[in-house]
Protein backbone atom coordinates (compact mmCIF):
# COMPACT_ATOMS: atom_id res chain seq x y z
CA MET A 1 -11.01 -70.43 -72.16
CA LEU A 2 -13.19 -73.44 -72.95
CA ASN A 3 -16.91 -73.32 -72.22
CA ARG A 4 -17.66 -77.05 -72.42
CA VAL A 5 -15.29 -80.02 -72.29
CA ALA A 6 -16.41 -83.63 -72.75
CA VAL A 7 -14.14 -86.16 -71.04
CA LEU A 8 -13.97 -89.68 -72.45
CA SER A 9 -11.78 -92.16 -70.61
CA ASP A 10 -10.82 -95.81 -70.90
CA ILE A 11 -12.33 -96.44 -74.33
CA HIS A 12 -10.25 -99.62 -74.59
CA GLY A 13 -10.73 -100.10 -78.29
CA VAL A 14 -14.53 -100.49 -78.24
CA LEU A 15 -15.88 -98.78 -81.32
CA PRO A 16 -19.68 -99.09 -80.72
CA ALA A 17 -19.36 -97.55 -77.24
CA LEU A 18 -17.20 -94.72 -78.54
CA GLU A 19 -19.62 -94.02 -81.39
CA ALA A 20 -22.51 -93.87 -78.92
CA ALA A 21 -20.69 -91.31 -76.78
CA LEU A 22 -19.60 -89.20 -79.75
CA ALA A 23 -23.23 -89.10 -80.95
CA GLU A 24 -24.33 -87.41 -77.72
CA PRO A 25 -25.40 -83.82 -78.53
CA ASP A 26 -23.38 -82.45 -75.60
CA VAL A 27 -20.26 -84.25 -76.81
CA ALA A 28 -20.79 -83.11 -80.38
CA ALA A 29 -21.28 -79.51 -79.21
CA ALA A 30 -18.35 -79.46 -76.76
CA ASP A 31 -15.48 -77.08 -77.44
CA LEU A 32 -13.05 -79.93 -76.82
CA ILE A 33 -13.07 -83.67 -76.18
CA VAL A 34 -10.37 -84.80 -73.74
CA LEU A 35 -9.34 -88.45 -73.76
CA THR A 36 -7.91 -89.42 -70.38
CA GLY A 37 -6.04 -92.50 -71.51
CA ASP A 38 -6.36 -96.22 -72.27
CA ILE A 39 -7.71 -95.43 -75.68
CA ALA A 40 -6.93 -98.37 -77.94
CA ALA A 41 -6.06 -101.47 -75.89
CA GLY A 42 -9.03 -103.62 -76.81
CA PRO A 43 -10.70 -105.49 -79.66
CA GLN A 44 -10.99 -102.63 -82.20
CA PRO A 45 -7.84 -100.54 -81.75
CA VAL A 46 -7.33 -99.35 -85.31
CA GLU A 47 -10.94 -98.35 -85.82
CA VAL A 48 -11.02 -96.38 -82.56
CA LEU A 49 -7.74 -94.57 -83.21
CA ASP A 50 -8.71 -93.69 -86.78
CA LEU A 51 -12.12 -92.34 -85.75
CA LEU A 52 -10.58 -90.14 -83.07
CA ALA A 53 -7.78 -88.95 -85.36
CA ASP A 54 -10.39 -87.89 -87.91
CA LEU A 55 -11.77 -85.44 -85.33
CA GLY A 56 -8.50 -83.51 -85.52
CA ASP A 57 -7.94 -80.71 -83.05
CA ARG A 58 -11.37 -81.20 -81.46
CA VAL A 59 -9.67 -83.93 -79.45
CA CYS A 60 -6.97 -83.59 -76.78
CA TRP A 61 -5.16 -86.84 -75.99
CA VAL A 62 -3.63 -87.87 -72.63
CA ARG A 63 -1.58 -91.03 -72.09
CA GLY A 64 -2.80 -94.00 -70.13
CA ASN A 65 -0.81 -96.99 -68.94
CA ALA A 66 -2.39 -99.20 -71.60
CA ASP A 67 -1.36 -96.73 -74.33
CA ARG A 68 2.21 -96.87 -73.06
CA GLU A 69 2.05 -100.65 -72.90
CA LEU A 70 0.94 -100.87 -76.55
CA VAL A 71 4.04 -98.92 -77.55
CA GLU A 72 6.20 -101.14 -75.33
CA ALA A 73 4.66 -104.29 -76.79
CA ARG A 74 5.51 -103.10 -80.28
CA ALA A 75 9.10 -102.65 -79.07
CA GLY A 76 9.24 -106.25 -77.84
CA ARG A 77 8.19 -105.88 -74.18
CA ALA A 78 5.08 -108.02 -73.99
CA SER A 79 2.10 -107.01 -71.88
CA PRO A 80 0.55 -109.44 -69.39
CA ILE A 81 -2.80 -108.56 -70.99
CA GLU A 82 -3.57 -110.76 -73.99
CA VAL A 83 -5.74 -108.25 -75.82
CA SER A 84 -3.04 -105.58 -75.48
CA ASN A 85 -0.44 -107.74 -77.18
CA TRP A 86 -2.88 -108.52 -79.96
CA ALA A 87 -3.90 -104.86 -80.33
CA ALA A 88 -0.27 -103.74 -80.47
CA GLY A 89 0.24 -105.99 -83.46
CA GLN A 90 -2.64 -104.37 -85.33
CA LEU A 91 -1.37 -100.80 -85.09
CA ARG A 92 0.25 -98.91 -87.95
CA ASP A 93 3.43 -96.97 -87.39
CA ASP A 94 1.49 -93.69 -87.25
CA HIS A 95 -0.68 -95.08 -84.45
CA VAL A 96 2.40 -96.11 -82.46
CA ALA A 97 4.03 -92.72 -82.99
CA ARG A 98 0.90 -90.90 -81.79
CA LEU A 99 0.60 -93.02 -78.66
CA ALA A 100 4.31 -92.71 -77.90
CA ALA A 101 4.06 -88.91 -77.99
CA LEU A 102 1.11 -88.53 -75.62
CA PRO A 103 1.61 -86.41 -72.48
CA LEU A 104 1.11 -87.68 -68.94
CA THR A 105 -1.03 -84.64 -68.05
CA VAL A 106 -2.75 -81.70 -69.73
CA THR A 107 -4.00 -78.57 -67.93
CA LEU A 108 -6.77 -76.44 -69.45
CA GLU A 109 -8.83 -73.41 -68.43
CA VAL A 110 -12.55 -74.25 -68.30
CA ALA A 111 -15.28 -71.66 -67.81
CA GLY A 112 -16.72 -71.76 -64.31
CA LEU A 113 -14.08 -74.20 -63.10
CA GLY A 114 -10.75 -72.49 -63.60
CA ARG A 115 -7.63 -74.56 -64.20
CA VAL A 116 -8.36 -78.26 -64.66
CA LEU A 117 -5.64 -80.93 -64.77
CA PHE A 118 -6.39 -84.06 -66.82
CA CYS A 119 -4.47 -87.30 -66.30
CA HIS A 120 -5.08 -91.04 -66.53
CA ALA A 121 -4.38 -92.60 -63.11
CA THR A 122 -2.81 -89.78 -61.09
CA PRO A 123 -0.92 -86.63 -62.06
CA ARG A 124 2.40 -88.27 -61.23
CA ASP A 125 1.92 -91.83 -62.54
CA ASP A 126 -0.12 -93.50 -65.27
CA GLU A 127 -1.07 -96.65 -63.36
CA GLU A 128 -1.22 -96.07 -59.59
CA VAL A 129 -4.64 -96.54 -58.04
CA VAL A 130 -6.74 -94.05 -56.10
CA LEU A 131 -10.42 -94.60 -55.44
CA VAL A 132 -13.52 -92.77 -54.29
CA ASP A 133 -12.86 -94.00 -50.73
CA THR A 134 -9.09 -93.57 -50.74
CA ARG A 135 -7.93 -92.04 -47.44
CA VAL A 136 -7.26 -88.30 -47.52
CA THR A 137 -3.61 -88.68 -46.53
CA ARG A 138 -2.94 -90.78 -49.63
CA TRP A 139 -4.82 -88.33 -51.84
CA ALA A 140 -2.65 -85.55 -50.39
CA GLU A 141 0.47 -87.52 -51.30
CA VAL A 142 -0.77 -88.26 -54.83
CA LEU A 143 -1.73 -84.64 -55.48
CA ALA A 144 1.24 -83.02 -53.73
CA GLY A 145 2.89 -81.94 -56.98
CA VAL A 146 -0.23 -80.35 -58.48
CA PRO A 147 -0.01 -76.54 -58.65
CA ALA A 148 -2.16 -74.74 -56.09
CA GLU A 149 -4.09 -72.89 -58.80
CA VAL A 150 -5.47 -76.19 -60.16
CA GLY A 151 -8.86 -76.63 -58.51
CA ILE A 152 -10.00 -79.77 -60.31
CA VAL A 153 -8.16 -82.98 -61.20
CA VAL A 154 -9.79 -85.33 -63.72
CA CYS A 155 -8.54 -88.91 -63.80
CA GLY A 156 -9.62 -92.27 -65.20
CA HIS A 157 -7.99 -95.71 -64.92
CA THR A 158 -10.31 -97.45 -62.45
CA HIS A 159 -13.41 -97.50 -64.71
CA MET A 160 -15.81 -96.27 -62.00
CA PRO A 161 -17.30 -92.76 -62.07
CA PHE A 162 -17.11 -90.52 -59.02
CA THR A 163 -16.60 -86.99 -57.79
CA ARG A 164 -15.19 -86.14 -54.38
CA LEU A 165 -13.57 -83.26 -52.55
CA VAL A 166 -10.00 -83.63 -51.34
CA ASP A 167 -9.01 -80.69 -49.14
CA ARG A 168 -10.95 -78.14 -51.23
CA ARG A 169 -9.89 -79.65 -54.56
CA LEU A 170 -12.43 -81.58 -56.62
CA VAL A 171 -11.40 -84.93 -58.10
CA VAL A 172 -13.49 -86.28 -60.98
CA ASN A 173 -13.44 -89.71 -62.59
CA PRO A 174 -15.74 -89.96 -65.62
CA GLY A 175 -15.82 -93.76 -65.60
CA SER A 176 -15.13 -95.89 -68.67
CA ILE A 177 -16.47 -95.79 -72.21
CA GLY A 178 -15.56 -99.35 -73.17
CA MET A 179 -14.98 -101.35 -69.95
CA PRO A 180 -17.33 -100.03 -67.26
CA TYR A 181 -17.50 -101.59 -63.82
CA GLY A 182 -20.85 -101.38 -62.09
CA GLY A 183 -23.24 -101.38 -65.04
CA PRO A 184 -23.36 -101.24 -68.85
CA GLY A 185 -23.21 -98.07 -70.91
CA ALA A 186 -20.63 -95.53 -72.00
CA PHE A 187 -19.71 -93.37 -69.01
CA TRP A 188 -18.21 -89.88 -69.49
CA ALA A 189 -18.20 -86.40 -67.96
CA LEU A 190 -19.17 -82.93 -69.09
CA LEU A 191 -17.24 -80.00 -67.62
CA GLY A 192 -18.26 -76.33 -67.65
CA PRO A 193 -19.63 -74.40 -65.89
CA GLY A 194 -20.18 -77.31 -63.47
CA VAL A 195 -19.33 -81.00 -63.46
CA GLN A 196 -21.77 -83.61 -64.74
CA LEU A 197 -21.22 -87.36 -64.70
CA ARG A 198 -23.03 -88.83 -67.68
CA ARG A 199 -23.97 -92.27 -68.99
CA THR A 200 -24.88 -93.04 -72.58
CA PRO A 201 -26.88 -96.24 -73.03
CA PHE A 202 -26.51 -98.26 -76.22
CA ASP A 203 -27.68 -101.61 -77.57
CA VAL A 204 -25.28 -103.92 -75.76
CA ASP A 205 -26.44 -107.05 -77.57
CA ALA A 206 -25.83 -105.42 -80.94
CA ALA A 207 -22.48 -104.02 -79.78
CA CYS A 208 -21.29 -107.42 -78.56
CA ALA A 209 -22.32 -109.02 -81.84
CA ARG A 210 -20.57 -106.31 -83.81
CA VAL A 211 -17.32 -106.58 -81.86
CA ALA A 212 -17.37 -110.36 -82.25
CA ALA A 213 -17.97 -110.06 -86.00
CA GLU A 214 -15.63 -107.18 -86.80
CA SER A 215 -12.64 -107.75 -84.52
CA GLY A 216 -9.84 -110.10 -85.44
CA PHE A 217 -9.05 -110.75 -81.77
CA PRO A 218 -9.55 -114.51 -81.24
CA ASP A 219 -11.42 -114.03 -77.95
CA ALA A 220 -13.42 -110.97 -79.07
CA ALA A 221 -16.83 -112.50 -78.33
CA GLU A 222 -15.86 -113.48 -74.79
CA TRP A 223 -14.12 -110.15 -74.18
CA ALA A 224 -17.17 -108.19 -75.32
CA ASP A 225 -19.53 -110.30 -73.24
CA GLU A 226 -17.43 -109.72 -70.13
CA TYR A 227 -16.79 -106.01 -70.47
CA LEU A 228 -19.58 -104.49 -72.56
CA ARG A 229 -22.13 -106.26 -70.37
CA SER A 230 -20.22 -105.01 -67.31
CA ARG A 231 -20.04 -108.40 -65.63
CA HIS A 232 -17.87 -106.90 -62.85
CA SER A 233 -19.64 -104.82 -60.21
CA ASP A 234 -18.16 -101.70 -58.69
CA THR A 235 -18.05 -103.50 -55.33
CA GLU A 236 -15.95 -106.29 -56.84
CA ALA A 237 -13.68 -103.79 -58.56
CA LEU A 238 -13.14 -101.78 -55.38
CA THR A 239 -12.23 -104.96 -53.52
CA VAL A 240 -9.73 -105.99 -56.19
CA PHE A 241 -8.17 -102.52 -56.40
CA ALA A 242 -7.97 -101.97 -52.63
CA PRO A 243 -4.49 -103.54 -52.13
CA ARG A 244 -3.08 -101.28 -54.85
CA ASP A 245 -4.45 -98.35 -52.84
CA GLY A 246 -2.24 -99.36 -49.93
CA ARG A 247 -4.93 -101.09 -47.93
């Protein structure tokens, strides 16, 4: 039984944002840190993976679509995302092996919450889209295979934090550490005995400068300016994602 679990999702290879979240007292004191996918596909993949690996068994890793795509890119199946292809080329063999072995879901017992299932996009797929305003019938379809004793499902993927009830089951999205939509900062969640959505502010100007200086990605400065400054609003993101939600 875990008393406190910190959930960090969609880090996307942004070291300054990850460091800011890890420095949070509630993250440092958590019994476990769960990563709900899309960990390394970004401008600082090696640095992010090495920092997390150094935390050892304090971290539980779950696979995201971008993690899978890094492994596929290393095997010769290029990603449509430029930074992912670049990041794949930076990884060592041990990084690739770790990402290739990640599970689609992990279920843990958390004090005050019972059985909690962690995934990236949905429990059955690492890239399908569900949103805060997804219709209940689609949520029911997406969650149909989840055991009845699981009362909470934690997902990531869409980079926007929310909590909502779906037929007596709570769905939680912590938002994104490295590519937030809707405002800058590192977004995460703290579980046990309740559910808290949290945001860690950091010096975005300094982070953008650091990514531009330290990353070998040719477009690192532009990438950091777009995503660390959260140029995309949640309204824009919801509009773009809506067709993938069947609307």
